[in-house]
Amino acid sequence: MGRVCKYYSDWQHETFTCGHCGWTGTVSFEDLEAGDVAAIIECPKCYRSLGVILFPSLQDTREAAAQGNEEAVQSLPEVEARIERNWKSLEQFNREKIRTVDQLPDLGDASLEFQWDFEKGTDGEFYQIIKAGDAELWREFAFFNNMRRFEEIKELLKAKYGSRFKSLTPTVASVEWLSGDNLGKALQITHAKT
């Protein structure tokens, strides 16, 4: 795996050596391939992994700011505000999300095929929408990389509609958010029969 560096460390001034091609030198943001919790440091010559940069937590940012790291000092207010917004969104989601089959409407169709859609609302927030044909049955906050919620709602639909439930199919617009921009998950989602 190579070296593990904290984001607010001096990694941009450290010397790295590629065990594959022998390249030696320093790396920059251009040599990083971002992931969920870390960025992979790639060799600028052969693109092999040299290590990872761990993305900072709120605590990491606070500590670096307290030690005078200028980047941390500048980004701390934005990080704190983003975390506050995320907590408020999560609280709203927990208040408004579908929890029971009683929240779903009664539908008379003999065979029910549902779509899991996604859109940006007029309020600027992103929503996942459950549809039967053109009819919207439910709308709630969408969270990136949220297959677990997809499965929860699929189970609610099965419980409510029983043998009339035929499928819950993600729309093209929703696949990236469901898969977390993970190509393997996206392919699995688009080829799965639900």
N, C-alpha and C. Protein backbone atom coordinates (compact mmCIF):
# COMPACT_ATOMS: atom_id res chain seq x y z
N MET A 1 0.82 -1.19 0.00
CA MET A 1 0.00 0.00 0.00
C MET A 1 0.86 1.25 0.00
N GLY A 2 2.02 1.21 0.54
CA GLY A 2 2.87 2.40 0.56
C GLY A 2 2.65 3.24 1.80
N ARG A 3 3.01 4.47 1.69
CA ARG A 3 2.98 5.40 2.81
C ARG A 3 1.57 5.92 3.08
N VAL A 4 1.25 6.13 4.37
CA VAL A 4 -0.01 6.73 4.78
C VAL A 4 0.30 8.08 5.40
N CYS A 5 -0.27 9.14 4.82
CA CYS A 5 0.01 10.50 5.27
C CYS A 5 -1.28 11.19 5.68
N LYS A 6 -1.20 11.98 6.72
CA LYS A 6 -2.33 12.82 7.09
C LYS A 6 -2.38 14.01 6.14
N TYR A 7 -3.58 14.49 5.87
CA TYR A 7 -3.77 15.58 4.93
C TYR A 7 -2.96 16.81 5.31
N TYR A 8 -3.00 17.19 6.58
CA TYR A 8 -2.32 18.40 7.02
C TYR A 8 -0.86 18.17 7.41
N SER A 9 -0.29 17.06 6.95
CA SER A 9 1.14 16.83 7.17
C SER A 9 1.93 17.51 6.06
N ASP A 10 3.20 17.26 6.00
CA ASP A 10 4.09 17.89 5.03
C ASP A 10 4.30 17.00 3.80
N TRP A 11 3.30 16.21 3.43
CA TRP A 11 3.44 15.20 2.38
C TRP A 11 3.87 15.78 1.03
N GLN A 12 3.51 17.02 0.73
CA GLN A 12 3.87 17.60 -0.57
C GLN A 12 5.36 17.92 -0.67
N HIS A 13 6.07 17.88 0.46
CA HIS A 13 7.50 18.16 0.45
C HIS A 13 8.34 16.91 0.73
N GLU A 14 7.66 15.79 0.97
CA GLU A 14 8.37 14.53 1.22
C GLU A 14 8.79 13.89 -0.11
N THR A 15 9.84 13.11 -0.08
CA THR A 15 10.30 12.40 -1.27
C THR A 15 9.68 11.01 -1.29
N PHE A 16 9.10 10.67 -2.43
CA PHE A 16 8.50 9.35 -2.64
C PHE A 16 9.32 8.62 -3.70
N THR A 17 9.37 7.30 -3.58
CA THR A 17 10.04 6.47 -4.58
C THR A 17 9.09 5.37 -5.01
N CYS A 18 8.95 5.22 -6.32
CA CYS A 18 8.08 4.18 -6.87
C CYS A 18 8.85 2.86 -6.94
N GLY A 19 8.33 1.85 -6.28
CA GLY A 19 8.97 0.54 -6.30
C GLY A 19 8.82 -0.18 -7.64
N HIS A 20 7.94 0.32 -8.50
CA HIS A 20 7.71 -0.34 -9.78
C HIS A 20 8.63 0.21 -10.88
N CYS A 21 8.64 1.54 -11.04
CA CYS A 21 9.43 2.11 -12.15
C CYS A 21 10.68 2.84 -11.69
N GLY A 22 10.84 3.03 -10.37
CA GLY A 22 12.03 3.68 -9.84
C GLY A 22 11.96 5.19 -9.77
N TRP A 23 10.85 5.81 -10.20
CA TRP A 23 10.71 7.27 -10.13
C TRP A 23 10.90 7.73 -8.69
N THR A 24 11.59 8.86 -8.50
CA THR A 24 11.78 9.47 -7.18
C THR A 24 11.49 10.95 -7.31
N GLY A 25 10.75 11.48 -6.33
CA GLY A 25 10.44 12.90 -6.34
C GLY A 25 9.32 13.24 -5.38
N THR A 26 8.82 14.45 -5.51
CA THR A 26 7.70 14.89 -4.68
C THR A 26 6.42 14.79 -5.50
N VAL A 27 5.30 14.80 -4.80
CA VAL A 27 4.00 14.70 -5.45
C VAL A 27 3.16 15.91 -5.06
N SER A 28 2.11 16.13 -5.85
CA SER A 28 1.21 17.25 -5.60
C SER A 28 -0.23 16.77 -5.73
N PHE A 29 -1.17 17.69 -5.61
CA PHE A 29 -2.58 17.33 -5.74
C PHE A 29 -2.89 16.68 -7.08
N GLU A 30 -2.16 17.06 -8.13
CA GLU A 30 -2.39 16.47 -9.44
C GLU A 30 -2.06 14.98 -9.47
N ASP A 31 -1.28 14.49 -8.51
CA ASP A 31 -0.89 13.09 -8.47
C ASP A 31 -1.81 12.26 -7.58
N LEU A 32 -2.94 12.84 -7.16
CA LEU A 32 -3.87 12.15 -6.27
C LEU A 32 -5.10 11.67 -7.03
N GLU A 33 -5.57 10.50 -6.67
CA GLU A 33 -6.83 9.94 -7.18
C GLU A 33 -7.77 9.85 -5.98
N ALA A 34 -8.77 10.74 -5.95
CA ALA A 34 -9.64 10.86 -4.76
C ALA A 34 -10.53 9.65 -4.58
N GLY A 35 -10.68 9.25 -3.32
CA GLY A 35 -11.61 8.21 -2.91
C GLY A 35 -12.57 8.77 -1.88
N ASP A 36 -13.21 7.90 -1.12
CA ASP A 36 -14.18 8.34 -0.12
C ASP A 36 -13.53 8.94 1.12
N VAL A 37 -12.54 8.27 1.67
CA VAL A 37 -11.92 8.72 2.92
C VAL A 37 -10.45 9.06 2.77
N ALA A 38 -9.92 8.79 1.59
CA ALA A 38 -8.50 9.06 1.34
C ALA A 38 -8.29 9.25 -0.16
N ALA A 39 -7.15 9.83 -0.48
CA ALA A 39 -6.74 9.97 -1.87
C ALA A 39 -5.51 9.09 -2.09
N ILE A 40 -5.50 8.36 -3.18
CA ILE A 40 -4.37 7.52 -3.52
C ILE A 40 -3.31 8.39 -4.18
N ILE A 41 -2.07 8.27 -3.70
CA ILE A 41 -0.95 8.98 -4.32
C ILE A 41 -0.46 8.10 -5.46
N GLU A 42 -0.50 8.64 -6.68
CA GLU A 42 -0.07 7.87 -7.83
C GLU A 42 1.29 8.35 -8.32
N CYS A 43 2.10 7.41 -8.75
CA CYS A 43 3.38 7.73 -9.37
C CYS A 43 3.11 8.54 -10.63
N PRO A 44 3.73 9.72 -10.79
CA PRO A 44 3.48 10.52 -11.99
C PRO A 44 4.02 9.91 -13.27
N LYS A 45 4.83 8.87 -13.15
CA LYS A 45 5.42 8.23 -14.33
C LYS A 45 4.62 6.99 -14.76
N CYS A 46 4.34 6.08 -13.82
CA CYS A 46 3.68 4.82 -14.20
C CYS A 46 2.29 4.66 -13.58
N TYR A 47 1.87 5.61 -12.76
CA TYR A 47 0.54 5.65 -12.16
C TYR A 47 0.25 4.52 -11.16
N ARG A 48 1.29 3.90 -10.64
CA ARG A 48 1.13 2.92 -9.57
C ARG A 48 0.94 3.66 -8.25
N SER A 49 0.33 2.98 -7.29
CA SER A 49 0.08 3.59 -5.98
C SER A 49 1.37 3.71 -5.17
N LEU A 50 1.59 4.91 -4.63
CA LEU A 50 2.75 5.15 -3.76
C LEU A 50 2.32 5.25 -2.29
N GLY A 51 1.03 5.39 -2.06
CA GLY A 51 0.51 5.55 -0.70
C GLY A 51 -0.83 6.26 -0.73
N VAL A 52 -1.26 6.75 0.43
CA VAL A 52 -2.54 7.45 0.53
C VAL A 52 -2.41 8.69 1.40
N ILE A 53 -3.27 9.66 1.10
CA ILE A 53 -3.43 10.84 1.93
C ILE A 53 -4.81 10.72 2.57
N LEU A 54 -4.87 10.64 3.88
CA LEU A 54 -6.14 10.54 4.58
C LEU A 54 -6.81 11.90 4.61
N PHE A 55 -8.06 11.97 4.17
CA PHE A 55 -8.79 13.22 4.23
C PHE A 55 -8.99 13.61 5.69
N PRO A 56 -8.97 14.91 5.98
CA PRO A 56 -9.05 15.33 7.39
C PRO A 56 -10.46 15.26 7.95
N SER A 57 -10.53 14.86 9.20
CA SER A 57 -11.79 14.93 9.94
C SER A 57 -11.93 16.35 10.49
N LEU A 58 -13.05 16.64 11.09
CA LEU A 58 -13.24 17.93 11.73
C LEU A 58 -12.18 18.12 12.82
N GLN A 59 -11.93 17.06 13.59
CA GLN A 59 -10.92 17.14 14.66
C GLN A 59 -9.52 17.41 14.09
N ASP A 60 -9.18 16.73 12.99
CA ASP A 60 -7.88 16.97 12.33
C ASP A 60 -7.76 18.43 11.91
N THR A 61 -8.84 18.97 11.33
CA THR A 61 -8.82 20.36 10.85
C THR A 61 -8.69 21.32 12.02
N ARG A 62 -9.41 21.06 13.10
CA ARG A 62 -9.31 21.92 14.29
C ARG A 62 -7.91 21.90 14.87
N GLU A 63 -7.32 20.71 14.96
CA GLU A 63 -5.97 20.59 15.51
C GLU A 63 -4.95 21.31 14.62
N ALA A 64 -5.05 21.11 13.32
CA ALA A 64 -4.11 21.77 12.41
C ALA A 64 -4.29 23.29 12.45
N ALA A 65 -5.53 23.76 12.55
CA ALA A 65 -5.77 25.20 12.65
C ALA A 65 -5.18 25.76 13.95
N ALA A 66 -5.34 25.01 15.04
CA ALA A 66 -4.79 25.45 16.32
C ALA A 66 -3.27 25.51 16.29
N GLN A 67 -2.64 24.68 15.44
CA GLN A 67 -1.19 24.68 15.30
C GLN A 67 -0.72 25.69 14.26
N GLY A 68 -1.66 26.45 13.68
CA GLY A 68 -1.30 27.52 12.75
C GLY A 68 -1.24 27.14 11.29
N ASN A 69 -1.72 25.95 10.93
CA ASN A 69 -1.73 25.56 9.52
C ASN A 69 -2.72 26.48 8.79
N GLU A 70 -2.19 27.29 7.85
CA GLU A 70 -3.01 28.31 7.19
C GLU A 70 -4.17 27.72 6.41
N GLU A 71 -3.96 26.62 5.72
CA GLU A 71 -5.04 25.99 4.97
C GLU A 71 -6.15 25.54 5.91
N ALA A 72 -5.77 24.96 7.05
CA ALA A 72 -6.77 24.52 8.03
C ALA A 72 -7.51 25.70 8.64
N VAL A 73 -6.78 26.78 8.93
CA VAL A 73 -7.40 27.98 9.49
C VAL A 73 -8.46 28.51 8.53
N GLN A 74 -8.12 28.56 7.23
CA GLN A 74 -9.05 29.09 6.24
C GLN A 74 -10.24 28.17 6.00
N SER A 75 -10.03 26.86 6.04
CA SER A 75 -11.11 25.94 5.71
C SER A 75 -11.99 25.57 6.90
N LEU A 76 -11.53 25.80 8.13
CA LEU A 76 -12.29 25.38 9.31
C LEU A 76 -13.71 25.94 9.34
N PRO A 77 -13.95 27.23 9.12
CA PRO A 77 -15.34 27.72 9.16
C PRO A 77 -16.24 27.02 8.14
N GLU A 78 -15.71 26.78 6.94
CA GLU A 78 -16.50 26.09 5.90
C GLU A 78 -16.78 24.64 6.30
N VAL A 79 -15.78 23.96 6.86
CA VAL A 79 -15.96 22.57 7.28
C VAL A 79 -17.02 22.50 8.38
N GLU A 80 -16.93 23.39 9.35
CA GLU A 80 -17.92 23.39 10.45
C GLU A 80 -19.32 23.70 9.91
N ALA A 81 -19.44 24.64 8.99
CA ALA A 81 -20.74 24.99 8.41
C ALA A 81 -21.30 23.82 7.61
N ARG A 82 -20.45 23.14 6.84
CA ARG A 82 -20.90 21.99 6.04
C ARG A 82 -21.39 20.87 6.95
N ILE A 83 -20.67 20.62 8.03
CA ILE A 83 -21.09 19.58 8.96
C ILE A 83 -22.42 19.95 9.62
N GLU A 84 -22.59 21.20 9.98
CA GLU A 84 -23.87 21.66 10.56
C GLU A 84 -25.01 21.47 9.56
N ARG A 85 -24.78 21.83 8.29
CA ARG A 85 -25.81 21.63 7.25
C ARG A 85 -26.13 20.15 7.10
N ASN A 86 -25.09 19.32 7.11
CA ASN A 86 -25.31 17.88 6.96
C ASN A 86 -26.14 17.32 8.11
N TRP A 87 -25.86 17.77 9.34
CA TRP A 87 -26.64 17.31 10.50
C TRP A 87 -28.09 17.73 10.37
N LYS A 88 -28.34 18.98 9.92
CA LYS A 88 -29.71 19.46 9.74
C LYS A 88 -30.42 18.66 8.66
N SER A 89 -29.72 18.36 7.56
CA SER A 89 -30.32 17.55 6.50
C SER A 89 -30.66 16.15 7.01
N LEU A 90 -29.76 15.58 7.78
CA LEU A 90 -30.01 14.24 8.33
C LEU A 90 -31.19 14.25 9.29
N GLU A 91 -31.29 15.29 10.12
CA GLU A 91 -32.44 15.40 11.03
C GLU A 91 -33.74 15.54 10.25
N GLN A 92 -33.73 16.35 9.20
CA GLN A 92 -34.93 16.51 8.38
C GLN A 92 -35.28 15.19 7.69
N PHE A 93 -34.27 14.51 7.15
CA PHE A 93 -34.51 13.21 6.52
C PHE A 93 -35.15 12.25 7.51
N ASN A 94 -34.62 12.18 8.73
CA ASN A 94 -35.17 11.26 9.73
C ASN A 94 -36.60 11.62 10.13
N ARG A 95 -36.96 12.91 10.08
CA ARG A 95 -38.33 13.32 10.37
C ARG A 95 -39.29 12.96 9.22
N GLU A 96 -38.80 13.08 7.99
CA GLU A 96 -39.68 12.99 6.82
C GLU A 96 -39.62 11.67 6.07
N LYS A 97 -38.67 10.81 6.36
CA LYS A 97 -38.51 9.61 5.54
C LYS A 97 -39.68 8.64 5.73
N ILE A 98 -39.87 7.83 4.72
CA ILE A 98 -40.88 6.79 4.81
C ILE A 98 -40.39 5.72 5.78
N ARG A 99 -41.26 5.36 6.73
CA ARG A 99 -40.89 4.39 7.76
C ARG A 99 -41.74 3.13 7.73
N THR A 100 -43.01 3.30 7.37
CA THR A 100 -43.92 2.15 7.44
C THR A 100 -44.72 2.04 6.15
N VAL A 101 -45.29 0.88 5.95
CA VAL A 101 -46.12 0.64 4.76
C VAL A 101 -47.38 1.50 4.79
N ASP A 102 -47.80 1.93 5.98
CA ASP A 102 -49.00 2.78 6.10
C ASP A 102 -48.83 4.12 5.40
N GLN A 103 -47.59 4.54 5.18
CA GLN A 103 -47.34 5.81 4.51
C GLN A 103 -47.47 5.70 2.98
N LEU A 104 -47.53 4.50 2.47
CA LEU A 104 -47.66 4.28 1.03
C LEU A 104 -49.14 4.24 0.65
N PRO A 105 -49.48 4.75 -0.54
CA PRO A 105 -50.88 4.75 -0.95
C PRO A 105 -51.35 3.36 -1.37
N ASP A 106 -52.65 3.16 -1.31
CA ASP A 106 -53.24 1.94 -1.84
C ASP A 106 -53.29 2.08 -3.36
N LEU A 107 -52.83 1.05 -4.04
CA LEU A 107 -52.83 1.06 -5.51
C LEU A 107 -53.61 -0.14 -6.00
N GLY A 108 -54.44 0.05 -7.02
CA GLY A 108 -55.31 -1.01 -7.50
C GLY A 108 -54.72 -1.88 -8.59
N ASP A 109 -53.60 -1.50 -9.14
CA ASP A 109 -53.03 -2.26 -10.25
C ASP A 109 -52.68 -3.69 -9.83
N ALA A 110 -52.84 -4.63 -10.77
CA ALA A 110 -52.53 -6.03 -10.50
C ALA A 110 -51.03 -6.28 -10.47
N SER A 111 -50.27 -5.52 -11.24
CA SER A 111 -48.83 -5.69 -11.31
C SER A 111 -48.18 -4.31 -11.16
N LEU A 112 -47.26 -4.19 -10.21
CA LEU A 112 -46.69 -2.88 -9.89
C LEU A 112 -45.19 -2.86 -10.14
N GLU A 113 -44.78 -1.98 -11.04
CA GLU A 113 -43.37 -1.76 -11.33
C GLU A 113 -43.05 -0.33 -10.93
N PHE A 114 -42.12 -0.20 -9.99
CA PHE A 114 -41.77 1.11 -9.44
C PHE A 114 -40.44 1.58 -9.99
N GLN A 115 -40.27 2.90 -10.01
CA GLN A 115 -39.00 3.49 -10.41
C GLN A 115 -38.43 4.27 -9.22
N TRP A 116 -37.13 4.20 -9.08
CA TRP A 116 -36.39 4.98 -8.09
C TRP A 116 -35.73 6.10 -8.88
N ASP A 117 -36.23 7.32 -8.72
CA ASP A 117 -35.72 8.44 -9.50
C ASP A 117 -34.96 9.40 -8.60
N PHE A 118 -34.40 10.41 -9.21
CA PHE A 118 -33.54 11.35 -8.50
C PHE A 118 -33.65 12.70 -9.17
N GLU A 119 -33.76 13.75 -8.36
CA GLU A 119 -33.76 15.09 -8.95
C GLU A 119 -33.34 16.13 -7.93
N LYS A 120 -32.91 17.26 -8.47
CA LYS A 120 -32.58 18.41 -7.64
C LYS A 120 -33.85 19.24 -7.52
N GLY A 121 -34.26 19.49 -6.27
CA GLY A 121 -35.48 20.25 -6.03
C GLY A 121 -35.27 21.74 -6.21
N THR A 122 -36.36 22.48 -6.20
CA THR A 122 -36.30 23.94 -6.33
C THR A 122 -35.59 24.57 -5.14
N ASP A 123 -35.50 23.82 -4.02
CA ASP A 123 -34.79 24.32 -2.84
C ASP A 123 -33.29 24.06 -2.91
N GLY A 124 -32.81 23.43 -4.00
CA GLY A 124 -31.39 23.15 -4.16
C GLY A 124 -30.95 21.83 -3.56
N GLU A 125 -31.84 21.14 -2.86
CA GLU A 125 -31.52 19.84 -2.27
C GLU A 125 -31.78 18.73 -3.29
N PHE A 126 -31.15 17.57 -3.07
CA PHE A 126 -31.34 16.42 -3.95
C PHE A 126 -32.32 15.45 -3.30
N TYR A 127 -33.21 14.90 -4.11
CA TYR A 127 -34.26 14.02 -3.61
C TYR A 127 -34.28 12.71 -4.38
N GLN A 128 -34.60 11.63 -3.66
CA GLN A 128 -34.90 10.36 -4.29
C GLN A 128 -36.42 10.24 -4.29
N ILE A 129 -36.95 9.78 -5.40
CA ILE A 129 -38.39 9.78 -5.63
C ILE A 129 -38.82 8.37 -6.04
N ILE A 130 -39.87 7.88 -5.40
CA ILE A 130 -40.43 6.59 -5.77
C ILE A 130 -41.66 6.87 -6.63
N LYS A 131 -41.68 6.25 -7.82
CA LYS A 131 -42.78 6.46 -8.76
C LYS A 131 -43.38 5.12 -9.17
N ALA A 132 -44.66 5.18 -9.48
CA ALA A 132 -45.34 4.07 -10.15
C ALA A 132 -45.89 4.70 -11.43
N GLY A 133 -45.28 4.37 -12.57
CA GLY A 133 -45.60 5.07 -13.81
C GLY A 133 -45.19 6.53 -13.67
N ASP A 134 -46.11 7.44 -13.94
CA ASP A 134 -45.83 8.87 -13.81
C ASP A 134 -46.20 9.41 -12.43
N ALA A 135 -46.84 8.60 -11.62
CA ALA A 135 -47.31 9.05 -10.31
C ALA A 135 -46.19 8.98 -9.27
N GLU A 136 -45.97 10.10 -8.60
CA GLU A 136 -44.98 10.14 -7.52
C GLU A 136 -45.63 9.65 -6.24
N LEU A 137 -45.04 8.60 -5.64
CA LEU A 137 -45.58 8.04 -4.40
C LEU A 137 -44.90 8.61 -3.16
N TRP A 138 -43.60 8.87 -3.28
CA TRP A 138 -42.84 9.33 -2.12
C TRP A 138 -41.62 10.09 -2.57
N ARG A 139 -41.24 11.09 -1.76
CA ARG A 139 -40.04 11.90 -2.05
C ARG A 139 -39.35 12.13 -0.71
N GLU A 140 -38.03 11.94 -0.71
CA GLU A 140 -37.24 12.22 0.49
C GLU A 140 -35.82 12.59 0.09
N PHE A 141 -35.07 13.17 1.04
CA PHE A 141 -33.68 13.55 0.77
C PHE A 141 -32.91 12.38 0.19
N ALA A 142 -32.05 12.68 -0.76
CA ALA A 142 -31.17 11.66 -1.33
C ALA A 142 -29.79 11.82 -0.69
N PHE A 143 -29.17 10.69 -0.42
CA PHE A 143 -27.82 10.68 0.10
C PHE A 143 -26.95 9.88 -0.86
N PHE A 144 -25.76 10.38 -1.10
CA PHE A 144 -24.81 9.76 -2.01
C PHE A 144 -24.41 8.38 -1.49
N ASN A 145 -24.31 7.41 -2.39
CA ASN A 145 -23.87 6.06 -2.04
C ASN A 145 -24.85 5.42 -1.05
N ASN A 146 -26.11 5.30 -1.47
CA ASN A 146 -27.16 4.93 -0.52
C ASN A 146 -27.94 3.70 -0.95
N MET A 147 -27.25 2.64 -1.29
CA MET A 147 -27.92 1.39 -1.65
C MET A 147 -28.72 0.82 -0.49
N ARG A 148 -28.27 1.04 0.73
CA ARG A 148 -28.99 0.52 1.89
C ARG A 148 -30.42 1.06 1.92
N ARG A 149 -30.57 2.38 1.65
CA ARG A 149 -31.91 2.98 1.66
C ARG A 149 -32.75 2.42 0.52
N PHE A 150 -32.16 2.20 -0.63
CA PHE A 150 -32.85 1.58 -1.76
C PHE A 150 -33.43 0.24 -1.34
N GLU A 151 -32.62 -0.58 -0.68
CA GLU A 151 -33.07 -1.91 -0.23
C GLU A 151 -34.17 -1.80 0.82
N GLU A 152 -34.06 -0.82 1.74
CA GLU A 152 -35.10 -0.62 2.76
C GLU A 152 -36.44 -0.29 2.12
N ILE A 153 -36.42 0.62 1.15
CA ILE A 153 -37.67 1.01 0.49
C ILE A 153 -38.22 -0.14 -0.36
N LYS A 154 -37.35 -0.88 -0.99
CA LYS A 154 -37.81 -2.04 -1.76
C LYS A 154 -38.54 -3.03 -0.85
N GLU A 155 -38.02 -3.24 0.35
CA GLU A 155 -38.69 -4.15 1.30
C GLU A 155 -40.04 -3.59 1.76
N LEU A 156 -40.13 -2.27 1.95
CA LEU A 156 -41.42 -1.66 2.30
C LEU A 156 -42.43 -1.85 1.17
N LEU A 157 -42.00 -1.65 -0.07
CA LEU A 157 -42.89 -1.83 -1.22
C LEU A 157 -43.36 -3.28 -1.32
N LYS A 158 -42.47 -4.22 -1.10
CA LYS A 158 -42.85 -5.64 -1.13
C LYS A 158 -43.85 -5.95 -0.02
N ALA A 159 -43.61 -5.40 1.16
CA ALA A 159 -44.51 -5.65 2.30
C ALA A 159 -45.89 -5.06 2.05
N LYS A 160 -45.96 -3.88 1.47
CA LYS A 160 -47.23 -3.21 1.22
C LYS A 160 -48.02 -3.88 0.09
N TYR A 161 -47.34 -4.18 -1.00
CA TYR A 161 -48.05 -4.62 -2.21
C TYR A 161 -47.95 -6.12 -2.47
N GLY A 162 -47.20 -6.85 -1.65
CA GLY A 162 -47.14 -8.30 -1.75
C GLY A 162 -46.77 -8.79 -3.14
N SER A 163 -47.52 -9.78 -3.63
CA SER A 163 -47.19 -10.40 -4.91
C SER A 163 -47.41 -9.46 -6.10
N ARG A 164 -48.10 -8.35 -5.88
CA ARG A 164 -48.29 -7.37 -6.97
C ARG A 164 -47.00 -6.58 -7.24
N PHE A 165 -46.09 -6.54 -6.25
CA PHE A 165 -44.80 -5.88 -6.45
C PHE A 165 -43.98 -6.69 -7.45
N LYS A 166 -43.56 -6.04 -8.53
CA LYS A 166 -42.75 -6.73 -9.54
C LYS A 166 -41.31 -6.24 -9.55
N SER A 167 -41.10 -4.92 -9.36
CA SER A 167 -39.73 -4.43 -9.41
C SER A 167 -39.64 -3.01 -8.87
N LEU A 168 -38.44 -2.65 -8.45
CA LEU A 168 -38.05 -1.28 -8.14
C LEU A 168 -36.78 -1.05 -8.96
N THR A 169 -36.88 -0.22 -9.97
CA THR A 169 -35.78 -0.04 -10.92
C THR A 169 -35.24 1.38 -10.85
N PRO A 170 -33.94 1.53 -10.62
CA PRO A 170 -33.34 2.87 -10.62
C PRO A 170 -33.37 3.48 -12.02
N THR A 171 -33.66 4.77 -12.10
CA THR A 171 -33.56 5.48 -13.38
C THR A 171 -32.08 5.78 -13.64
N VAL A 172 -31.78 6.10 -14.87
CA VAL A 172 -30.40 6.46 -15.22
C VAL A 172 -29.92 7.62 -14.34
N ALA A 173 -30.80 8.59 -14.09
CA ALA A 173 -30.43 9.76 -13.28
C ALA A 173 -30.06 9.40 -11.85
N SER A 174 -30.56 8.28 -11.33
CA SER A 174 -30.32 7.94 -9.92
C SER A 174 -29.13 7.02 -9.70
N VAL A 175 -28.63 6.37 -10.75
CA VAL A 175 -27.59 5.34 -10.57
C VAL A 175 -26.32 5.89 -9.94
N GLU A 176 -25.85 7.05 -10.38
CA GLU A 176 -24.60 7.59 -9.82
C GLU A 176 -24.74 7.84 -8.32
N TRP A 177 -25.86 8.41 -7.90
CA TRP A 177 -26.05 8.68 -6.47
C TRP A 177 -26.21 7.39 -5.68
N LEU A 178 -26.91 6.43 -6.22
CA LEU A 178 -27.06 5.15 -5.53
C LEU A 178 -25.73 4.43 -5.38
N SER A 179 -24.93 4.46 -6.44
CA SER A 179 -23.68 3.69 -6.45
C SER A 179 -22.51 4.42 -5.81
N GLY A 180 -22.69 5.70 -5.49
CA GLY A 180 -21.58 6.46 -4.93
C GLY A 180 -20.49 6.69 -5.96
N ASP A 181 -20.86 6.75 -7.23
CA ASP A 181 -19.91 6.95 -8.32
C ASP A 181 -18.90 5.80 -8.41
N ASN A 182 -19.34 4.60 -7.99
CA ASN A 182 -18.51 3.40 -8.03
C ASN A 182 -18.96 2.59 -9.25
N LEU A 183 -18.09 2.47 -10.25
CA LEU A 183 -18.47 1.82 -11.50
C LEU A 183 -18.95 0.39 -11.28
N GLY A 184 -18.29 -0.36 -10.43
CA GLY A 184 -18.71 -1.74 -10.17
C GLY A 184 -20.12 -1.81 -9.61
N LYS A 185 -20.42 -0.94 -8.64
CA LYS A 185 -21.78 -0.89 -8.08
C LYS A 185 -22.77 -0.43 -9.13
N ALA A 186 -22.39 0.57 -9.92
CA ALA A 186 -23.29 1.10 -10.96
C ALA A 186 -23.66 0.01 -11.95
N LEU A 187 -22.68 -0.79 -12.38
CA LEU A 187 -22.96 -1.88 -13.31
C LEU A 187 -23.86 -2.93 -12.67
N GLN A 188 -23.63 -3.22 -11.41
CA GLN A 188 -24.44 -4.19 -10.68
C GLN A 188 -25.88 -3.68 -10.58
N ILE A 189 -26.06 -2.40 -10.30
CA ILE A 189 -27.39 -1.80 -10.16
C ILE A 189 -28.13 -1.84 -11.50
N THR A 190 -27.45 -1.45 -12.58
CA THR A 190 -28.13 -1.36 -13.86
C THR A 190 -28.43 -2.71 -14.48
N HIS A 191 -27.75 -3.76 -14.05
CA HIS A 191 -28.01 -5.10 -14.60
C HIS A 191 -28.81 -5.99 -13.67
N ALA A 192 -29.14 -5.50 -12.48
CA ALA A 192 -29.87 -6.33 -11.51
C ALA A 192 -31.36 -6.26 -11.79
N LYS A 193 -32.03 -7.36 -11.56
CA LYS A 193 -33.49 -7.40 -11.60
C LYS A 193 -33.97 -7.31 -10.16
N THR A 194 -34.78 -6.29 -9.88
CA THR A 194 -35.27 -6.15 -8.50
C THR A 194 -36.73 -6.49 -8.47
